Amino acid sequence: MRIILTCLLIGLAGCVSMIPVDEYAIARAAMEGAKESEAPRFAPALWYKAEQAYREGETFFRERAFSDAAKRFSAARTLAEQAENTARLARFESGDLAP
C-alpha cells in the first residue's frame, strides 16, 4: 500500500508546473517601458504583436496553463523590448529624443 501511495505522490508531483510569476512581471515591465517610449506610435506593428502575446499570456495564466503562459510572456517581453528600441531609434532620428 505504501509503495502505491508513494508512486502516486511522485507521479502527481511531476505534473505540477512552476507558476511564471517572474515572467509575468518582467513582461509587464517591458510593456510599460515600450509604452513610455511611445512604441504604439513609432513601432505599431511590434507593439501590437507584443500586446497580443501579453494578453494571451494573461489568458493562459488565468486558465492555469502556466507553461503556455510562460512562453507567451517571454514572447511579449522580447517583442516589447524590440518595440521600445525601435521607437527610441525612430524618436532619435526624428529629433524628438536626445541621446
PDB file of N, CA and C in Angstrom:
ATOM      1  N   MET A   1       0.816  -1.187   0.000  1.00  0.00           N
ATOM      2  CA  MET A   1       0.000   0.000   0.000  1.00  0.00           C
ATOM      3  C   MET A   1       0.872   1.267   0.000  1.00  0.00           C
ATOM      4  N   ARG A   2       1.914   1.255   0.797  1.00  0.00           N
ATOM      5  CA  ARG A   2       2.798   2.418   0.864  1.00  0.00           C
ATOM      6  C   ARG A   2       3.509   2.643  -0.460  1.00  0.00           C
ATOM      7  N   ILE A   3       3.869   1.578  -1.125  1.00  0.00           N
ATOM      8  CA  ILE A   3       4.561   1.701  -2.405  1.00  0.00           C
ATOM      9  C   ILE A   3       3.646   2.365  -3.426  1.00  0.00           C
ATOM     10  N   ILE A   4       2.400   1.953  -3.453  1.00  0.00           N
ATOM     11  CA  ILE A   4       1.437   2.534  -4.395  1.00  0.00           C
ATOM     12  C   ILE A   4       1.225   4.009  -4.074  1.00  0.00           C
ATOM     13  N   LEU A   5       1.064   4.322  -2.816  1.00  0.00           N
ATOM     14  CA  LEU A   5       0.865   5.709  -2.398  1.00  0.00           C
ATOM     15  C   LEU A   5       2.084   6.566  -2.724  1.00  0.00           C
ATOM     16  N   THR A   6       3.269   6.040  -2.511  1.00  0.00           N
ATOM     17  CA  THR A   6       4.498   6.765  -2.823  1.00  0.00           C
ATOM     18  C   THR A   6       4.614   7.019  -4.320  1.00  0.00           C
ATOM     19  N   CYS A   7       4.331   6.008  -5.120  1.00  0.00           N
ATOM     20  CA  CYS A   7       4.379   6.173  -6.583  1.00  0.00           C
ATOM     21  C   CYS A   7       3.353   7.201  -7.052  1.00  0.00           C
ATOM     22  N   LEU A   8       2.183   7.171  -6.457  1.00  0.00           N
ATOM     23  CA  LEU A   8       1.139   8.131  -6.811  1.00  0.00           C
ATOM     24  C   LEU A   8       1.567   9.551  -6.478  1.00  0.00           C
ATOM     25  N   LEU A   9       2.146   9.763  -5.331  1.00  0.00           N
ATOM     26  CA  LEU A   9       2.605  11.098  -4.932  1.00  0.00           C
ATOM     27  C   LEU A   9       3.740  11.588  -5.822  1.00  0.00           C
ATOM     28  N   ILE A  10       4.656  10.712  -6.167  1.00  0.00           N
ATOM     29  CA  ILE A  10       5.748  11.098  -7.056  1.00  0.00           C
ATOM     30  C   ILE A  10       5.212  11.453  -8.432  1.00  0.00           C
ATOM     31  N   GLY A  11       4.255  10.676  -8.913  1.00  0.00           N
ATOM     32  CA  GLY A  11       3.641  10.952 -10.213  1.00  0.00           C
ATOM     33  C   GLY A  11       2.908  12.279 -10.222  1.00  0.00           C
ATOM     34  N   LEU A  12       2.201  12.574  -9.163  1.00  0.00           N
ATOM     35  CA  LEU A  12       1.474  13.849  -9.087  1.00  0.00           C
ATOM     36  C   LEU A  12       2.423  15.029  -8.954  1.00  0.00           C
ATOM     37  N   ALA A  13       3.514  14.843  -8.265  1.00  0.00           N
ATOM     38  CA  ALA A  13       4.486  15.927  -8.112  1.00  0.00           C
ATOM     39  C   ALA A  13       5.109  16.290  -9.449  1.00  0.00           C
ATOM     40  N   GLY A  14       5.250  15.336 -10.331  1.00  0.00           N
ATOM     41  CA  GLY A  14       5.794  15.601 -11.659  1.00  0.00           C
ATOM     42  C   GLY A  14       4.858  16.408 -12.526  1.00  0.00           C
ATOM     43  N   CYS A  15       3.579  16.436 -12.218  1.00  0.00           N
ATOM     44  CA  CYS A  15       2.583  17.164 -13.012  1.00  0.00           C
ATOM     45  C   CYS A  15       2.507  18.642 -12.650  1.00  0.00           C
ATOM     46  N   VAL A  16       3.064  19.000 -11.532  1.00  0.00           N
ATOM     47  CA  VAL A  16       2.983  20.379 -11.082  1.00  0.00           C
ATOM     48  C   VAL A  16       3.999  21.215 -11.856  1.00  0.00           C
ATOM     49  N   SER A  17       3.530  22.311 -12.441  1.00  0.00           N
ATOM     50  CA  SER A  17       4.446  23.194 -13.149  1.00  0.00           C
ATOM     51  C   SER A  17       4.645  24.468 -12.336  1.00  0.00           C
ATOM     52  N   MET A  18       5.742  25.122 -12.595  1.00  0.00           N
ATOM     53  CA  MET A  18       6.050  26.343 -11.868  1.00  0.00           C
ATOM     54  C   MET A  18       5.161  27.482 -12.351  1.00  0.00           C
ATOM     55  N   ILE A  19       4.717  28.297 -11.437  1.00  0.00           N
ATOM     56  CA  ILE A  19       3.893  29.448 -11.789  1.00  0.00           C
ATOM     57  C   ILE A  19       4.825  30.552 -12.291  1.00  0.00           C
ATOM     58  N   PRO A  20       4.612  31.050 -13.519  1.00  0.00           N
ATOM     59  CA  PRO A  20       5.553  32.006 -14.125  1.00  0.00           C
ATOM     60  C   PRO A  20       5.347  33.452 -13.652  1.00  0.00           C
ATOM     61  N   VAL A  21       5.478  33.658 -12.361  1.00  0.00           N
ATOM     62  CA  VAL A  21       5.267  34.990 -11.797  1.00  0.00           C
ATOM     63  C   VAL A  21       6.362  35.959 -12.269  1.00  0.00           C
ATOM     64  N   ASP A  22       7.595  35.492 -12.287  1.00  0.00           N
ATOM     65  CA  ASP A  22       8.697  36.354 -12.734  1.00  0.00           C
ATOM     66  C   ASP A  22       8.533  36.747 -14.198  1.00  0.00           C
ATOM     67  N   GLU A  23       8.174  35.775 -15.032  1.00  0.00           N
ATOM     68  CA  GLU A  23       7.980  36.058 -16.454  1.00  0.00           C
ATOM     69  C   GLU A  23       6.865  37.080 -16.655  1.00  0.00           C
ATOM     70  N   TYR A  24       5.801  36.938 -15.860  1.00  0.00           N
ATOM     71  CA  TYR A  24       4.669  37.863 -15.923  1.00  0.00           C
ATOM     72  C   TYR A  24       5.134  39.280 -15.571  1.00  0.00           C
ATOM     73  N   ALA A  25       5.861  39.412 -14.478  1.00  0.00           N
ATOM     74  CA  ALA A  25       6.312  40.725 -14.021  1.00  0.00           C
ATOM     75  C   ALA A  25       7.294  41.359 -15.007  1.00  0.00           C
ATOM     76  N   ILE A  26       8.196  40.563 -15.546  1.00  0.00           N
ATOM     77  CA  ILE A  26       9.183  41.089 -16.496  1.00  0.00           C
ATOM     78  C   ILE A  26       8.501  41.527 -17.783  1.00  0.00           C
ATOM     79  N   ALA A  27       7.540  40.725 -18.244  1.00  0.00           N
ATOM     80  CA  ALA A  27       6.796  41.092 -19.460  1.00  0.00           C
ATOM     81  C   ALA A  27       6.014  42.380 -19.238  1.00  0.00           C
ATOM     82  N   ARG A  28       5.400  42.516 -18.066  1.00  0.00           N
ATOM     83  CA  ARG A  28       4.647  43.734 -17.766  1.00  0.00           C
ATOM     84  C   ARG A  28       5.570  44.951 -17.743  1.00  0.00           C
ATOM     85  N   ALA A  29       6.753  44.806 -17.149  1.00  0.00           N
ATOM     86  CA  ALA A  29       7.714  45.912 -17.107  1.00  0.00           C
ATOM     87  C   ALA A  29       8.179  46.278 -18.520  1.00  0.00           C
ATOM     88  N   ALA A  30       8.410  45.268 -19.351  1.00  0.00           N
ATOM     89  CA  ALA A  30       8.826  45.531 -20.730  1.00  0.00           C
ATOM     90  C   ALA A  30       7.719  46.253 -21.492  1.00  0.00           C
ATOM     91  N   MET A  31       6.472  45.860 -21.252  1.00  0.00           N
ATOM     92  CA  MET A  31       5.341  46.514 -21.911  1.00  0.00           C
ATOM     93  C   MET A  31       5.241  47.978 -21.462  1.00  0.00           C
ATOM     94  N   GLU A  32       5.430  48.219 -20.182  1.00  0.00           N
ATOM     95  CA  GLU A  32       5.375  49.594 -19.677  1.00  0.00           C
ATOM     96  C   GLU A  32       6.507  50.435 -20.260  1.00  0.00           C
ATOM     97  N   GLY A  33       7.696  49.854 -20.359  1.00  0.00           N
ATOM     98  CA  GLY A  33       8.830  50.565 -20.943  1.00  0.00           C
ATOM     99  C   GLY A  33       8.585  50.916 -22.407  1.00  0.00           C
ATOM    100  N   ALA A  34       8.016  49.968 -23.124  1.00  0.00           N
ATOM    101  CA  ALA A  34       7.716  50.218 -24.539  1.00  0.00           C
ATOM    102  C   ALA A  34       6.648  51.298 -24.680  1.00  0.00           C
ATOM    103  N   LYS A  35       5.669  51.261 -23.811  1.00  0.00           N
ATOM    104  CA  LYS A  35       4.595  52.259 -23.868  1.00  0.00           C
ATOM    105  C   LYS A  35       5.136  53.651 -23.560  1.00  0.00           C
ATOM    106  N   GLU A  36       6.031  53.742 -22.564  1.00  0.00           N
ATOM    107  CA  GLU A  36       6.626  55.028 -22.198  1.00  0.00           C
ATOM    108  C   GLU A  36       7.502  55.595 -23.318  1.00  0.00           C
ATOM    109  N   SER A  37       8.081  54.723 -24.126  1.00  0.00           N
ATOM    110  CA  SER A  37       8.914  55.190 -25.233  1.00  0.00           C
ATOM    111  C   SER A  37       8.079  55.463 -26.483  1.00  0.00           C
ATOM    112  N   GLU A  38       6.775  55.422 -26.328  1.00  0.00           N
ATOM    113  CA  GLU A  38       5.824  55.705 -27.400  1.00  0.00           C
ATOM    114  C   GLU A  38       5.887  54.679 -28.528  1.00  0.00           C
ATOM    115  N   ALA A  39       6.071  53.432 -28.156  1.00  0.00           N
ATOM    116  CA  ALA A  39       6.096  52.350 -29.142  1.00  0.00           C
ATOM    117  C   ALA A  39       4.780  52.235 -29.929  1.00  0.00           C
ATOM    118  N   PRO A  40       3.613  52.458 -29.294  1.00  0.00           N
ATOM    119  CA  PRO A  40       2.388  52.371 -30.102  1.00  0.00           C
ATOM    120  C   PRO A  40       2.379  53.355 -31.278  1.00  0.00           C
ATOM    121  N   ARG A  41       3.073  54.478 -31.115  1.00  0.00           N
ATOM    122  CA  ARG A  41       3.119  55.483 -32.177  1.00  0.00           C
ATOM    123  C   ARG A  41       4.243  55.232 -33.177  1.00  0.00           C
ATOM    124  N   PHE A  42       5.430  54.879 -32.662  1.00  0.00           N
ATOM    125  CA  PHE A  42       6.607  54.767 -33.515  1.00  0.00           C
ATOM    126  C   PHE A  42       6.900  53.348 -34.003  1.00  0.00           C
ATOM    127  N   ALA A  43       6.355  52.340 -33.352  1.00  0.00           N
ATOM    128  CA  ALA A  43       6.570  50.940 -33.763  1.00  0.00           C
ATOM    129  C   ALA A  43       5.267  50.164 -33.588  1.00  0.00           C
ATOM    130  N   PRO A  44       4.214  50.573 -34.302  1.00  0.00           N
ATOM    131  CA  PRO A  44       2.894  49.987 -34.062  1.00  0.00           C
ATOM    132  C   PRO A  44       2.798  48.485 -34.334  1.00  0.00           C
ATOM    133  N   ALA A  45       3.494  47.980 -35.334  1.00  0.00           N
ATOM    134  CA  ALA A  45       3.402  46.550 -35.647  1.00  0.00           C
ATOM    135  C   ALA A  45       3.996  45.707 -34.513  1.00  0.00           C
ATOM    136  N   LEU A  46       5.193  46.093 -34.056  1.00  0.00           N
ATOM    137  CA  LEU A  46       5.809  45.362 -32.946  1.00  0.00           C
ATOM    138  C   LEU A  46       5.006  45.508 -31.666  1.00  0.00           C
ATOM    139  N   TRP A  47       4.497  46.704 -31.427  1.00  0.00           N
ATOM    140  CA  TRP A  47       3.693  46.948 -30.236  1.00  0.00           C
ATOM    141  C   TRP A  47       2.451  46.064 -30.236  1.00  0.00           C
ATOM    142  N   TYR A  48       1.783  45.973 -31.378  1.00  0.00           N
ATOM    143  CA  TYR A  48       0.569  45.169 -31.475  1.00  0.00           C
ATOM    144  C   TYR A  48       0.879  43.703 -31.190  1.00  0.00           C
ATOM    145  N   LYS A  49       1.968  43.193 -31.754  1.00  0.00           N
ATOM    146  CA  LYS A  49       2.350  41.800 -31.524  1.00  0.00           C
ATOM    147  C   LYS A  49       2.692  41.556 -30.054  1.00  0.00           C
ATOM    148  N   ALA A  50       3.394  42.503 -29.451  1.00  0.00           N
ATOM    149  CA  ALA A  50       3.746  42.374 -28.037  1.00  0.00           C
ATOM    150  C   ALA A  50       2.495  42.392 -27.169  1.00  0.00           C
ATOM    151  N   GLU A  51       1.602  43.302 -27.475  1.00  0.00           N
ATOM    152  CA  GLU A  51       0.362  43.407 -26.702  1.00  0.00           C
ATOM    153  C   GLU A  51      -0.483  42.141 -26.843  1.00  0.00           C
ATOM    154  N   GLN A  52      -0.542  41.605 -28.039  1.00  0.00           N
ATOM    155  CA  GLN A  52      -1.302  40.384 -28.274  1.00  0.00           C
ATOM    156  C   GLN A  52      -0.688  39.209 -27.495  1.00  0.00           C
ATOM    157  N   ALA A  53       0.625  39.064 -27.539  1.00  0.00           N
ATOM    158  CA  ALA A  53       1.294  37.987 -26.814  1.00  0.00           C
ATOM    159  C   ALA A  53       1.086  38.142 -25.309  1.00  0.00           C
ATOM    160  N   TYR A  54       1.141  39.375 -24.822  1.00  0.00           N
ATOM    161  CA  TYR A  54       0.949  39.632 -23.390  1.00  0.00           C
ATOM    162  C   TYR A  54      -0.466  39.248 -22.966  1.00  0.00           C
ATOM    163  N   ARG A  55      -1.448  39.631 -23.745  1.00  0.00           N
ATOM    164  CA  ARG A  55      -2.836  39.287 -23.414  1.00  0.00           C
ATOM    165  C   ARG A  55      -3.074  37.787 -23.469  1.00  0.00           C
ATOM    166  N   GLU A  56      -2.462  37.118 -24.443  1.00  0.00           N
ATOM    167  CA  GLU A  56      -2.579  35.662 -24.496  1.00  0.00           C
ATOM    168  C   GLU A  56      -1.933  35.037 -23.261  1.00  0.00           C
ATOM    169  N   GLY A  57      -0.797  35.579 -22.846  1.00  0.00           N
ATOM    170  CA  GLY A  57      -0.144  35.093 -21.634  1.00  0.00           C
ATOM    171  C   GLY A  57      -1.033  35.262 -20.418  1.00  0.00           C
ATOM    172  N   GLU A  58      -1.696  36.403 -20.312  1.00  0.00           N
ATOM    173  CA  GLU A  58      -2.614  36.621 -19.199  1.00  0.00           C
ATOM    174  C   GLU A  58      -3.772  35.616 -19.221  1.00  0.00           C
ATOM    175  N   THR A  59      -4.278  35.344 -20.413  1.00  0.00           N
ATOM    176  CA  THR A  59      -5.368  34.377 -20.538  1.00  0.00           C
ATOM    177  C   THR A  59      -4.908  32.998 -20.102  1.00  0.00           C
ATOM    178  N   PHE A  60      -3.750  32.563 -20.586  1.00  0.00           N
ATOM    179  CA  PHE A  60      -3.219  31.263 -20.179  1.00  0.00           C
ATOM    180  C   PHE A  60      -2.959  31.227 -18.671  1.00  0.00           C
ATOM    181  N   PHE A  61      -2.480  32.335 -18.118  1.00  0.00           N
ATOM    182  CA  PHE A  61      -2.211  32.402 -16.684  1.00  0.00           C
ATOM    183  C   PHE A  61      -3.501  32.217 -15.893  1.00  0.00           C
ATOM    184  N   ARG A  62      -4.556  32.903 -16.306  1.00  0.00           N
ATOM    185  CA  ARG A  62      -5.854  32.765 -15.620  1.00  0.00           C
ATOM    186  C   ARG A  62      -6.405  31.342 -15.730  1.00  0.00           C
ATOM    187  N   GLU A  63      -6.122  30.701 -16.859  1.00  0.00           N
ATOM    188  CA  GLU A  63      -6.599  29.331 -17.079  1.00  0.00           C
ATOM    189  C   GLU A  63      -5.666  28.294 -16.452  1.00  0.00           C
ATOM    190  N   ARG A  64      -4.622  28.765 -15.787  1.00  0.00           N
ATOM    191  CA  ARG A  64      -3.651  27.924 -15.102  1.00  0.00           C
ATOM    192  C   ARG A  64      -2.852  27.039 -16.063  1.00  0.00           C
ATOM    193  N   ALA A  65      -2.725  27.475 -17.308  1.00  0.00           N
ATOM    194  CA  ALA A  65      -1.866  26.811 -18.288  1.00  0.00           C
ATOM    195  C   ALA A  65      -0.512  27.510 -18.223  1.00  0.00           C
ATOM    196  N   PHE A  66       0.220  27.231 -17.158  1.00  0.00           N
ATOM    197  CA  PHE A  66       1.408  28.008 -16.831  1.00  0.00           C
ATOM    198  C   PHE A  66       2.540  27.858 -17.847  1.00  0.00           C
ATOM    199  N   SER A  67       2.688  26.709 -18.430  1.00  0.00           N
ATOM    200  CA  SER A  67       3.738  26.521 -19.430  1.00  0.00           C
ATOM    201  C   SER A  67       3.480  27.407 -20.653  1.00  0.00           C
ATOM    202  N   ASP A  68       2.245  27.414 -21.125  1.00  0.00           N
ATOM    203  CA  ASP A  68       1.882  28.263 -22.259  1.00  0.00           C
ATOM    204  C   ASP A  68       1.988  29.738 -21.892  1.00  0.00           C
ATOM    205  N   ALA A  69       1.591  30.076 -20.667  1.00  0.00           N
ATOM    206  CA  ALA A  69       1.670  31.466 -20.210  1.00  0.00           C
ATOM    207  C   ALA A  69       3.119  31.942 -20.204  1.00  0.00           C
ATOM    208  N   ALA A  70       4.018  31.107 -19.722  1.00  0.00           N
ATOM    209  CA  ALA A  70       5.439  31.482 -19.665  1.00  0.00           C
ATOM    210  C   ALA A  70       5.982  31.747 -21.071  1.00  0.00           C
ATOM    211  N   LYS A  71       5.600  30.910 -22.025  1.00  0.00           N
ATOM    212  CA  LYS A  71       6.057  31.105 -23.410  1.00  0.00           C
ATOM    213  C   LYS A  71       5.533  32.410 -23.985  1.00  0.00           C
ATOM    214  N   ARG A  72       4.273  32.721 -23.746  1.00  0.00           N
ATOM    215  CA  ARG A  72       3.676  33.941 -24.280  1.00  0.00           C
ATOM    216  C   ARG A  72       4.267  35.175 -23.601  1.00  0.00           C
ATOM    217  N   PHE A  73       4.511  35.111 -22.292  1.00  0.00           N
ATOM    218  CA  PHE A  73       5.127  36.238 -21.593  1.00  0.00           C
ATOM    219  C   PHE A  73       6.551  36.478 -22.096  1.00  0.00           C
ATOM    220  N   SER A  74       7.268  35.405 -22.366  1.00  0.00           N
ATOM    221  CA  SER A  74       8.618  35.541 -22.904  1.00  0.00           C
ATOM    222  C   SER A  74       8.583  36.196 -24.283  1.00  0.00           C
ATOM    223  N   ALA A  75       7.646  35.778 -25.108  1.00  0.00           N
ATOM    224  CA  ALA A  75       7.496  36.383 -26.435  1.00  0.00           C
ATOM    225  C   ALA A  75       7.096  37.849 -26.312  1.00  0.00           C
ATOM    226  N   ALA A  76       6.198  38.152 -25.395  1.00  0.00           N
ATOM    227  CA  ALA A  76       5.755  39.536 -25.188  1.00  0.00           C
ATOM    228  C   ALA A  76       6.922  40.412 -24.749  1.00  0.00           C
ATOM    229  N   ARG A  77       7.760  39.892 -23.859  1.00  0.00           N
ATOM    230  CA  ARG A  77       8.926  40.653 -23.394  1.00  0.00           C
ATOM    231  C   ARG A  77       9.862  40.958 -24.551  1.00  0.00           C
ATOM    232  N   THR A  78      10.158  39.953 -25.345  1.00  0.00           N
ATOM    233  CA  THR A  78      11.063  40.137 -26.477  1.00  0.00           C
ATOM    234  C   THR A  78      10.501  41.157 -27.464  1.00  0.00           C
ATOM    235  N   LEU A  79       9.235  41.016 -27.804  1.00  0.00           N
ATOM    236  CA  LEU A  79       8.612  41.935 -28.756  1.00  0.00           C
ATOM    237  C   LEU A  79       8.516  43.355 -28.193  1.00  0.00           C
ATOM    238  N   ALA A  80       8.204  43.469 -26.904  1.00  0.00           N
ATOM    239  CA  ALA A  80       8.115  44.790 -26.282  1.00  0.00           C
ATOM    240  C   ALA A  80       9.477  45.473 -26.266  1.00  0.00           C
ATOM    241  N   GLU A  81      10.527  44.707 -25.987  1.00  0.00           N
ATOM    242  CA  GLU A  81      11.876  45.281 -25.996  1.00  0.00           C
ATOM    243  C   GLU A  81      12.254  45.735 -27.406  1.00  0.00           C
ATOM    244  N   GLN A  82      11.900  44.944 -28.406  1.00  0.00           N
ATOM    245  CA  GLN A  82      12.169  45.338 -29.789  1.00  0.00           C
ATOM    246  C   GLN A  82      11.385  46.597 -30.152  1.00  0.00           C
ATOM    247  N   ALA A  83      10.129  46.652 -29.717  1.00  0.00           N
ATOM    248  CA  ALA A  83       9.289  47.823 -29.998  1.00  0.00           C
ATOM    249  C   ALA A  83       9.865  49.064 -29.319  1.00  0.00           C
ATOM    250  N   GLU A  84      10.314  48.909 -28.078  1.00  0.00           N
ATOM    251  CA  GLU A  84      10.899  50.045 -27.360  1.00  0.00           C
ATOM    252  C   GLU A  84      12.153  50.543 -28.061  1.00  0.00           C
ATOM    253  N   ASN A  85      13.035  49.625 -28.453  1.00  0.00           N
ATOM    254  CA  ASN A  85      14.270  50.018 -29.140  1.00  0.00           C
ATOM    255  C   ASN A  85      13.969  50.691 -30.472  1.00  0.00           C
ATOM    256  N   THR A  86      13.029  50.141 -31.215  1.00  0.00           N
ATOM    257  CA  THR A  86      12.649  50.727 -32.497  1.00  0.00           C
ATOM    258  C   THR A  86      12.059  52.115 -32.303  1.00  0.00           C
ATOM    259  N   ALA A  87      11.214  52.271 -31.294  1.00  0.00           N
ATOM    260  CA  ALA A  87      10.598  53.571 -31.018  1.00  0.00           C
ATOM    261  C   ALA A  87      11.648  54.597 -30.599  1.00  0.00           C
ATOM    262  N   ARG A  88      12.574  54.184 -29.746  1.00  0.00           N
ATOM    263  CA  ARG A  88      13.629  55.110 -29.314  1.00  0.00           C
ATOM    264  C   ARG A  88      14.481  55.558 -30.495  1.00  0.00           C
ATOM    265  N   LEU A  89      14.816  54.626 -31.376  1.00  0.00           N
ATOM    266  CA  LEU A  89      15.605  54.963 -32.553  1.00  0.00           C
ATOM    267  C   LEU A  89      14.822  55.910 -33.471  1.00  0.00           C
ATOM    268  N   ALA A  90      13.555  55.625 -33.690  1.00  0.00           N
ATOM    269  CA  ALA A  90      12.731  56.480 -34.546  1.00  0.00           C
ATOM    270  C   ALA A  90      12.590  57.878 -33.943  1.00  0.00           C
ATOM    271  N   ARG A  91      12.424  57.956 -32.621  1.00  0.00           N
ATOM    272  CA  ARG A  91      12.328  59.261 -31.961  1.00  0.00           C
ATOM    273  C   ARG A  91      13.642  60.017 -32.063  1.00  0.00           C
ATOM    274  N   PHE A  92      14.757  59.306 -31.901  1.00  0.00           N
ATOM    275  CA  PHE A  92      16.071  59.937 -32.008  1.00  0.00           C
ATOM    276  C   PHE A  92      16.293  60.469 -33.432  1.00  0.00           C
ATOM    277  N   GLU A  93      15.974  59.652 -34.413  1.00  0.00           N
ATOM    278  CA  GLU A  93      16.175  60.058 -35.818  1.00  0.00           C
ATOM    279  C   GLU A  93      15.291  61.236 -36.204  1.00  0.00           C
ATOM    280  N   SER A  94      14.134  61.332 -35.567  1.00  0.00           N
ATOM    281  CA  SER A  94      13.243  62.449 -35.878  1.00  0.00           C
ATOM    282  C   SER A  94      13.589  63.703 -35.077  1.00  0.00           C
ATOM    283  N   GLY A  95      14.566  63.612 -34.171  1.00  0.00           N
ATOM    284  CA  GLY A  95      14.962  64.749 -33.373  1.00  0.00           C
ATOM    285  C   GLY A  95      14.095  64.947 -32.139  1.00  0.00           C
ATOM    286  N   ASP A  96      13.235  63.999 -31.871  1.00  0.00           N
ATOM    287  CA  ASP A  96      12.315  64.093 -30.735  1.00  0.00           C
ATOM    288  C   ASP A  96      12.971  63.665 -29.422  1.00  0.00           C
ATOM    289  N   LEU A  97      14.089  62.974 -29.508  1.00  0.00           N
ATOM    290  CA  LEU A  97      14.729  62.414 -28.328  1.00  0.00           C
ATOM    291  C   LEU A  97      16.227  62.649 -28.385  1.00  0.00           C
ATOM    292  N   ALA A  98      16.780  63.150 -27.319  1.00  0.00           N
ATOM    293  CA  ALA A  98      18.236  63.340 -27.258  1.00  0.00           C
ATOM    294  C   ALA A  98      18.893  62.020 -26.883  1.00  0.00           C
ATOM    295  N   PRO A  99      20.154  61.826 -27.252  1.00  0.00           N
ATOM    296  CA  PRO A  99      20.837  60.548 -26.947  1.00  0.00           C
ATOM    297  C   PRO A  99      20.988  60.368 -25.518  1.00  0.00           C
TER     298      PRO A  99
END
